[in-house]
Protein backbone atom coordinates (compact mmCIF):
# COMPACT_ATOMS: atom_id res chain seq x y z
CA UNK A 1 0.00 0.00 0.00
CA UNK A 2 1.45 3.35 -1.02
CA UNK A 3 1.87 6.32 1.28
CA UNK A 4 -0.86 8.21 -0.60
CA UNK A 5 -3.25 5.27 -0.16
CA UNK A 6 -2.57 5.19 3.57
CA UNK A 7 -3.20 8.92 3.89
CA UNK A 8 -6.40 8.67 1.83
CA UNK A 9 -7.59 5.80 4.02
CA UNK A 10 -6.96 7.90 7.14
CA UNK A 11 -9.00 10.78 5.70
CA UNK A 12 -11.87 8.45 4.85
CA UNK A 13 -11.80 6.90 8.34
CA UNK A 14 -11.91 10.36 9.91
CA UNK A 15 -14.93 11.36 7.82
CA UNK A 16 -16.67 8.04 8.50
CA UNK A 17 -16.19 8.57 12.24
CA UNK A 18 -17.85 11.97 11.90
CA UNK A 19 -20.74 10.40 9.99
CA UNK A 20 -21.08 7.74 12.68
CA UNK A 21 -21.01 10.14 15.61
CA UNK A 22 -22.57 13.30 14.19
CA UNK A 23 -24.68 12.10 11.27
CA UNK A 24 -27.91 12.50 13.23
CA UNK A 25 -27.16 16.03 14.43
CA UNK A 26 -28.89 18.97 12.92
CA UNK A 27 -29.34 22.56 13.91
CA UNK A 28 -32.40 23.24 16.04
CA UNK A 29 -34.51 24.74 13.27
CA UNK A 30 -36.74 27.01 15.29
CA UNK A 31 -34.06 28.81 17.31
CA UNK A 32 -30.58 27.69 16.28
CA UNK A 33 -27.78 26.44 18.51
CA UNK A 34 -26.87 29.77 20.09
CA UNK A 35 -30.31 30.53 21.49
CA UNK A 36 -31.00 26.88 22.33
CA UNK A 37 -27.81 26.55 24.41
CA UNK A 38 -28.23 29.97 25.99
CA UNK A 39 -31.78 29.07 27.02
CA UNK A 40 -30.68 25.65 28.30
CA UNK A 41 -28.08 27.40 30.46
CA UNK A 42 -30.75 29.73 31.86
CA UNK A 43 -28.79 32.70 30.53
CA UNK A 44 -30.63 35.78 29.30
CA UNK A 45 -29.68 37.68 26.19
CA UNK A 46 -28.61 40.59 28.39
CA UNK A 47 -26.35 38.36 30.51
CA UNK A 48 -24.68 36.95 27.39
CA UNK A 49 -24.33 40.44 25.96
CA UNK A 50 -22.50 41.61 29.09
CA UNK A 51 -20.16 38.62 28.92
CA UNK A 52 -19.39 39.48 25.29
CA UNK A 53 -19.18 43.24 25.84
CA UNK A 54 -21.91 43.94 23.29
CA UNK A 55 -25.53 45.09 23.38
CA UNK A 56 -28.50 42.82 23.99
CA UNK A 57 -29.73 43.66 20.49
CA UNK A 58 -26.41 42.44 19.06
CA UNK A 59 -26.93 39.05 20.74
CA UNK A 60 -30.44 38.86 19.28
CA UNK A 61 -29.15 39.91 15.86
CA UNK A 62 -26.44 37.24 15.99
CA UNK A 63 -28.93 34.54 17.01
CA UNK A 64 -31.09 35.55 14.03
CA UNK A 65 -28.02 35.59 11.79
CA UNK A 66 -27.40 31.96 12.71
CA UNK A 67 -30.90 31.08 11.52
CA UNK A 68 -30.41 32.88 8.21
CA UNK A 69 -26.97 31.32 7.74
CA UNK A 70 -25.11 34.63 7.69
CA UNK A 71 -23.30 34.36 11.04
CA UNK A 72 -19.53 33.94 10.86
CA UNK A 73 -17.66 31.03 12.36
CA UNK A 74 -15.65 33.45 14.50
CA UNK A 75 -18.82 34.96 15.93
CA UNK A 76 -20.21 31.49 16.70
CA UNK A 77 -16.94 30.64 18.45
CA UNK A 78 -16.95 33.86 20.49
CA UNK A 79 -20.54 33.38 21.60
CA UNK A 80 -19.95 29.73 22.47
CA UNK A 81 -16.91 30.65 24.59
CA UNK A 82 -18.91 33.37 26.35
CA UNK A 83 -21.36 30.62 27.37
CA UNK A 84 -18.46 28.38 28.53
CA UNK A 85 -19.04 26.13 25.53
CA UNK A 86 -16.91 24.88 22.70
CA UNK A 87 -17.86 25.68 19.11
CA UNK A 88 -17.54 22.74 16.75
CA UNK A 89 -18.47 22.61 13.09
CA UNK A 90 -18.32 19.78 10.61
CA UNK A 91 -19.21 18.86 7.07
CA UNK A 92 -20.89 15.47 7.24
CA UNK A 93 -21.72 13.34 4.20
CA UNK A 94 -25.23 11.92 4.14
CA UNK A 95 -23.75 8.41 4.26
CA UNK A 96 -20.51 6.49 4.71
CA UNK A 97 -17.77 8.00 2.53
CA UNK A 98 -17.09 4.66 0.82
CA UNK A 99 -20.76 4.49 -0.24
CA UNK A 100 -20.59 8.05 -1.60
CA UNK A 101 -17.49 7.14 -3.60
CA UNK A 102 -19.00 3.87 -4.84
CA UNK A 103 -22.14 5.62 -6.07
CA UNK A 104 -20.03 8.20 -7.87
CA UNK A 105 -17.81 5.50 -9.39
CA UNK A 106 -20.88 3.63 -10.64
CA UNK A 107 -22.23 6.84 -12.17
CA UNK A 108 -18.93 7.42 -13.96
CA UNK A 109 -18.76 3.76 -15.05
CA UNK A 110 -22.30 3.90 -16.46
CA UNK A 111 -21.39 6.99 -18.48
CA UNK A 112 -18.32 5.25 -19.92
CA UNK A 113 -20.23 2.06 -20.72
CA UNK A 114 -23.06 4.05 -22.30
CA UNK A 115 -20.63 5.79 -24.63
CA UNK A 116 -18.97 2.52 -25.63
CA UNK A 117 -22.33 0.76 -25.93
CA UNK A 118 -23.64 3.44 -28.25
CA UNK A 119 -20.67 3.03 -30.57
CA UNK A 120 -21.03 -0.76 -30.49
CA UNK A 121 -24.74 -0.54 -31.26
CA UNK A 122 -23.98 1.60 -34.30
CA UNK A 123 -21.73 -1.23 -35.49
CA UNK A 124 -24.42 -3.82 -34.69
CA UNK A 125 -22.33 -5.24 -31.82
CA UNK A 126 -24.50 -4.30 -28.85
CA UNK A 127 -24.12 -6.21 -25.59
CA UNK A 128 -26.89 -7.75 -23.50
CA UNK A 129 -27.93 -6.05 -20.24
CA UNK A 130 -26.18 -8.62 -18.02
CA UNK A 131 -22.88 -8.02 -19.82
CA UNK A 132 -23.36 -4.24 -19.58
CA UNK A 133 -24.10 -4.48 -15.82
CA UNK A 134 -21.04 -6.65 -15.33
CA UNK A 135 -18.87 -4.16 -17.21
CA UNK A 136 -20.26 -1.28 -15.13
CA UNK A 137 -19.34 -3.14 -11.94
CA UNK A 138 -15.85 -3.91 -13.26
CA UNK A 139 -15.16 -0.32 -14.27
CA UNK A 140 -16.58 1.04 -11.00
CA UNK A 141 -14.30 -1.35 -9.06
CA UNK A 142 -11.31 -0.12 -11.09
CA UNK A 143 -12.24 3.46 -10.32
CA UNK A 144 -12.59 2.69 -6.61
CA UNK A 145 -9.17 1.02 -6.49
CA UNK A 146 -7.46 4.02 -8.01
CA UNK A 147 -7.65 7.70 -7.23
CA UNK A 148 -8.89 9.07 -10.53
CA UNK A 149 -8.59 12.82 -10.79
CA UNK A 150 -11.78 12.98 -12.82
CA UNK A 151 -14.06 11.19 -10.34
CA UNK A 152 -15.88 14.43 -9.57
CA UNK A 153 -15.59 15.99 -13.03
CA UNK A 154 -18.80 16.28 -14.98
CA UNK A 155 -18.79 14.67 -18.36
C-alpha atoms as a PDB file:
ATOM      1  CA  UNK A   1       0.000   0.000   0.000  1.00  0.00           C
ATOM      2  CA  UNK A   2       1.449   3.355  -1.019  1.00  0.00           C
ATOM      3  CA  UNK A   3       1.868   6.325   1.284  1.00  0.00           C
ATOM      4  CA  UNK A   4      -0.863   8.214  -0.604  1.00  0.00           C
ATOM      5  CA  UNK A   5      -3.248   5.271  -0.161  1.00  0.00           C
ATOM      6  CA  UNK A   6      -2.571   5.194   3.570  1.00  0.00           C
ATOM      7  CA  UNK A   7      -3.201   8.922   3.888  1.00  0.00           C
ATOM      8  CA  UNK A   8      -6.396   8.671   1.830  1.00  0.00           C
ATOM      9  CA  UNK A   9      -7.586   5.798   4.017  1.00  0.00           C
ATOM     10  CA  UNK A  10      -6.964   7.902   7.142  1.00  0.00           C
ATOM     11  CA  UNK A  11      -8.999  10.775   5.702  1.00  0.00           C
ATOM     12  CA  UNK A  12     -11.865   8.450   4.854  1.00  0.00           C
ATOM     13  CA  UNK A  13     -11.797   6.904   8.340  1.00  0.00           C
ATOM     14  CA  UNK A  14     -11.908  10.363   9.913  1.00  0.00           C
ATOM     15  CA  UNK A  15     -14.932  11.360   7.823  1.00  0.00           C
ATOM     16  CA  UNK A  16     -16.671   8.037   8.496  1.00  0.00           C
ATOM     17  CA  UNK A  17     -16.186   8.573  12.240  1.00  0.00           C
ATOM     18  CA  UNK A  18     -17.847  11.969  11.902  1.00  0.00           C
ATOM     19  CA  UNK A  19     -20.743  10.402   9.995  1.00  0.00           C
ATOM     20  CA  UNK A  20     -21.080   7.738  12.684  1.00  0.00           C
ATOM     21  CA  UNK A  21     -21.015  10.144  15.608  1.00  0.00           C
ATOM     22  CA  UNK A  22     -22.569  13.302  14.185  1.00  0.00           C
ATOM     23  CA  UNK A  23     -24.684  12.102  11.273  1.00  0.00           C
ATOM     24  CA  UNK A  24     -27.909  12.496  13.234  1.00  0.00           C
ATOM     25  CA  UNK A  25     -27.160  16.026  14.431  1.00  0.00           C
ATOM     26  CA  UNK A  26     -28.886  18.970  12.917  1.00  0.00           C
ATOM     27  CA  UNK A  27     -29.341  22.558  13.910  1.00  0.00           C
ATOM     28  CA  UNK A  28     -32.401  23.241  16.043  1.00  0.00           C
ATOM     29  CA  UNK A  29     -34.511  24.741  13.269  1.00  0.00           C
ATOM     30  CA  UNK A  30     -36.741  27.009  15.293  1.00  0.00           C
ATOM     31  CA  UNK A  31     -34.059  28.810  17.314  1.00  0.00           C
ATOM     32  CA  UNK A  32     -30.584  27.690  16.276  1.00  0.00           C
ATOM     33  CA  UNK A  33     -27.784  26.439  18.512  1.00  0.00           C
ATOM     34  CA  UNK A  34     -26.868  29.766  20.090  1.00  0.00           C
ATOM     35  CA  UNK A  35     -30.307  30.530  21.492  1.00  0.00           C
ATOM     36  CA  UNK A  36     -30.997  26.876  22.331  1.00  0.00           C
ATOM     37  CA  UNK A  37     -27.811  26.549  24.413  1.00  0.00           C
ATOM     38  CA  UNK A  38     -28.234  29.974  25.993  1.00  0.00           C
ATOM     39  CA  UNK A  39     -31.776  29.070  27.025  1.00  0.00           C
ATOM     40  CA  UNK A  40     -30.677  25.649  28.298  1.00  0.00           C
ATOM     41  CA  UNK A  41     -28.082  27.403  30.456  1.00  0.00           C
ATOM     42  CA  UNK A  42     -30.748  29.728  31.864  1.00  0.00           C
ATOM     43  CA  UNK A  43     -28.786  32.698  30.533  1.00  0.00           C
ATOM     44  CA  UNK A  44     -30.633  35.782  29.302  1.00  0.00           C
ATOM     45  CA  UNK A  45     -29.681  37.682  26.192  1.00  0.00           C
ATOM     46  CA  UNK A  46     -28.609  40.591  28.394  1.00  0.00           C
ATOM     47  CA  UNK A  47     -26.354  38.360  30.506  1.00  0.00           C
ATOM     48  CA  UNK A  48     -24.678  36.951  27.386  1.00  0.00           C
ATOM     49  CA  UNK A  49     -24.326  40.444  25.957  1.00  0.00           C
ATOM     50  CA  UNK A  50     -22.502  41.609  29.087  1.00  0.00           C
ATOM     51  CA  UNK A  51     -20.155  38.616  28.923  1.00  0.00           C
ATOM     52  CA  UNK A  52     -19.385  39.484  25.286  1.00  0.00           C
ATOM     53  CA  UNK A  53     -19.178  43.239  25.835  1.00  0.00           C
ATOM     54  CA  UNK A  54     -21.912  43.935  23.288  1.00  0.00           C
ATOM     55  CA  UNK A  55     -25.528  45.093  23.382  1.00  0.00           C
ATOM     56  CA  UNK A  56     -28.495  42.816  23.988  1.00  0.00           C
ATOM     57  CA  UNK A  57     -29.734  43.661  20.488  1.00  0.00           C
ATOM     58  CA  UNK A  58     -26.412  42.442  19.058  1.00  0.00           C
ATOM     59  CA  UNK A  59     -26.932  39.047  20.738  1.00  0.00           C
ATOM     60  CA  UNK A  60     -30.441  38.856  19.277  1.00  0.00           C
ATOM     61  CA  UNK A  61     -29.153  39.907  15.863  1.00  0.00           C
ATOM     62  CA  UNK A  62     -26.440  37.237  15.993  1.00  0.00           C
ATOM     63  CA  UNK A  63     -28.927  34.541  17.012  1.00  0.00           C
ATOM     64  CA  UNK A  64     -31.087  35.546  14.030  1.00  0.00           C
ATOM     65  CA  UNK A  65     -28.019  35.588  11.785  1.00  0.00           C
ATOM     66  CA  UNK A  66     -27.399  31.961  12.707  1.00  0.00           C
ATOM     67  CA  UNK A  67     -30.902  31.080  11.523  1.00  0.00           C
ATOM     68  CA  UNK A  68     -30.406  32.878   8.213  1.00  0.00           C
ATOM     69  CA  UNK A  69     -26.967  31.322   7.736  1.00  0.00           C
ATOM     70  CA  UNK A  70     -25.108  34.626   7.693  1.00  0.00           C
ATOM     71  CA  UNK A  71     -23.305  34.364  11.040  1.00  0.00           C
ATOM     72  CA  UNK A  72     -19.527  33.943  10.864  1.00  0.00           C
ATOM     73  CA  UNK A  73     -17.656  31.026  12.362  1.00  0.00           C
ATOM     74  CA  UNK A  74     -15.651  33.445  14.498  1.00  0.00           C
ATOM     75  CA  UNK A  75     -18.824  34.965  15.928  1.00  0.00           C
ATOM     76  CA  UNK A  76     -20.206  31.495  16.698  1.00  0.00           C
ATOM     77  CA  UNK A  77     -16.940  30.644  18.446  1.00  0.00           C
ATOM     78  CA  UNK A  78     -16.947  33.863  20.488  1.00  0.00           C
ATOM     79  CA  UNK A  79     -20.541  33.375  21.599  1.00  0.00           C
ATOM     80  CA  UNK A  80     -19.949  29.734  22.468  1.00  0.00           C
ATOM     81  CA  UNK A  81     -16.912  30.647  24.589  1.00  0.00           C
ATOM     82  CA  UNK A  82     -18.913  33.371  26.352  1.00  0.00           C
ATOM     83  CA  UNK A  83     -21.356  30.621  27.366  1.00  0.00           C
ATOM     84  CA  UNK A  84     -18.457  28.383  28.526  1.00  0.00           C
ATOM     85  CA  UNK A  85     -19.044  26.130  25.530  1.00  0.00           C
ATOM     86  CA  UNK A  86     -16.909  24.877  22.705  1.00  0.00           C
ATOM     87  CA  UNK A  87     -17.859  25.677  19.111  1.00  0.00           C
ATOM     88  CA  UNK A  88     -17.540  22.739  16.748  1.00  0.00           C
ATOM     89  CA  UNK A  89     -18.468  22.607  13.087  1.00  0.00           C
ATOM     90  CA  UNK A  90     -18.319  19.779  10.607  1.00  0.00           C
ATOM     91  CA  UNK A  91     -19.208  18.864   7.065  1.00  0.00           C
ATOM     92  CA  UNK A  92     -20.885  15.473   7.245  1.00  0.00           C
ATOM     93  CA  UNK A  93     -21.724  13.340   4.198  1.00  0.00           C
ATOM     94  CA  UNK A  94     -25.230  11.917   4.136  1.00  0.00           C
ATOM     95  CA  UNK A  95     -23.754   8.411   4.257  1.00  0.00           C
ATOM     96  CA  UNK A  96     -20.511   6.486   4.714  1.00  0.00           C
ATOM     97  CA  UNK A  97     -17.774   8.004   2.527  1.00  0.00           C
ATOM     98  CA  UNK A  98     -17.094   4.660   0.823  1.00  0.00           C
ATOM     99  CA  UNK A  99     -20.757   4.490  -0.240  1.00  0.00           C
ATOM    100  CA  UNK A 100     -20.591   8.047  -1.595  1.00  0.00           C
ATOM    101  CA  UNK A 101     -17.491   7.135  -3.604  1.00  0.00           C
ATOM    102  CA  UNK A 102     -18.998   3.866  -4.837  1.00  0.00           C
ATOM    103  CA  UNK A 103     -22.137   5.617  -6.066  1.00  0.00           C
ATOM    104  CA  UNK A 104     -20.034   8.203  -7.871  1.00  0.00           C
ATOM    105  CA  UNK A 105     -17.805   5.498  -9.393  1.00  0.00           C
ATOM    106  CA  UNK A 106     -20.884   3.635 -10.639  1.00  0.00           C
ATOM    107  CA  UNK A 107     -22.233   6.839 -12.166  1.00  0.00           C
ATOM    108  CA  UNK A 108     -18.930   7.420 -13.961  1.00  0.00           C
ATOM    109  CA  UNK A 109     -18.763   3.762 -15.052  1.00  0.00           C
ATOM    110  CA  UNK A 110     -22.297   3.904 -16.457  1.00  0.00           C
ATOM    111  CA  UNK A 111     -21.395   6.985 -18.482  1.00  0.00           C
ATOM    112  CA  UNK A 112     -18.321   5.251 -19.919  1.00  0.00           C
ATOM    113  CA  UNK A 113     -20.230   2.057 -20.721  1.00  0.00           C
ATOM    114  CA  UNK A 114     -23.063   4.049 -22.301  1.00  0.00           C
ATOM    115  CA  UNK A 115     -20.628   5.795 -24.628  1.00  0.00           C
ATOM    116  CA  UNK A 116     -18.966   2.516 -25.627  1.00  0.00           C
ATOM    117  CA  UNK A 117     -22.326   0.759 -25.928  1.00  0.00           C
ATOM    118  CA  UNK A 118     -23.644   3.445 -28.253  1.00  0.00           C
ATOM    119  CA  UNK A 119     -20.667   3.027 -30.566  1.00  0.00           C
ATOM    120  CA  UNK A 120     -21.027  -0.764 -30.494  1.00  0.00           C
ATOM    121  CA  UNK A 121     -24.742  -0.538 -31.263  1.00  0.00           C
ATOM    122  CA  UNK A 122     -23.979   1.598 -34.295  1.00  0.00           C
ATOM    123  CA  UNK A 123     -21.728  -1.226 -35.488  1.00  0.00           C
ATOM    124  CA  UNK A 124     -24.421  -3.823 -34.689  1.00  0.00           C
ATOM    125  CA  UNK A 125     -22.332  -5.240 -31.824  1.00  0.00           C
ATOM    126  CA  UNK A 126     -24.502  -4.302 -28.854  1.00  0.00           C
ATOM    127  CA  UNK A 127     -24.125  -6.206 -25.586  1.00  0.00           C
ATOM    128  CA  UNK A 128     -26.894  -7.753 -23.497  1.00  0.00           C
ATOM    129  CA  UNK A 129     -27.928  -6.050 -20.239  1.00  0.00           C
ATOM    130  CA  UNK A 130     -26.180  -8.620 -18.018  1.00  0.00           C
ATOM    131  CA  UNK A 131     -22.878  -8.018 -19.816  1.00  0.00           C
ATOM    132  CA  UNK A 132     -23.364  -4.244 -19.577  1.00  0.00           C
ATOM    133  CA  UNK A 133     -24.104  -4.477 -15.824  1.00  0.00           C
ATOM    134  CA  UNK A 134     -21.036  -6.654 -15.331  1.00  0.00           C
ATOM    135  CA  UNK A 135     -18.872  -4.164 -17.206  1.00  0.00           C
ATOM    136  CA  UNK A 136     -20.257  -1.275 -15.131  1.00  0.00           C
ATOM    137  CA  UNK A 137     -19.339  -3.142 -11.938  1.00  0.00           C
ATOM    138  CA  UNK A 138     -15.852  -3.915 -13.258  1.00  0.00           C
ATOM    139  CA  UNK A 139     -15.161  -0.317 -14.269  1.00  0.00           C
ATOM    140  CA  UNK A 140     -16.578   1.039 -10.996  1.00  0.00           C
ATOM    141  CA  UNK A 141     -14.305  -1.348  -9.059  1.00  0.00           C
ATOM    142  CA  UNK A 142     -11.307  -0.122 -11.090  1.00  0.00           C
ATOM    143  CA  UNK A 143     -12.244   3.464 -10.320  1.00  0.00           C
ATOM    144  CA  UNK A 144     -12.592   2.686  -6.609  1.00  0.00           C
ATOM    145  CA  UNK A 145      -9.166   1.020  -6.491  1.00  0.00           C
ATOM    146  CA  UNK A 146      -7.461   4.021  -8.008  1.00  0.00           C
ATOM    147  CA  UNK A 147      -7.648   7.699  -7.231  1.00  0.00           C
ATOM    148  CA  UNK A 148      -8.887   9.073 -10.530  1.00  0.00           C
ATOM    149  CA  UNK A 149      -8.590  12.815 -10.787  1.00  0.00           C
ATOM    150  CA  UNK A 150     -11.783  12.983 -12.824  1.00  0.00           C
ATOM    151  CA  UNK A 151     -14.060  11.192 -10.343  1.00  0.00           C
ATOM    152  CA  UNK A 152     -15.882  14.432  -9.574  1.00  0.00           C
ATOM    153  CA  UNK A 153     -15.590  15.986 -13.029  1.00  0.00           C
ATOM    154  CA  UNK A 154     -18.801  16.280 -14.976  1.00  0.00           C
ATOM    155  CA  UNK A 155     -18.786  14.674 -18.363  1.00  0.00           C
END
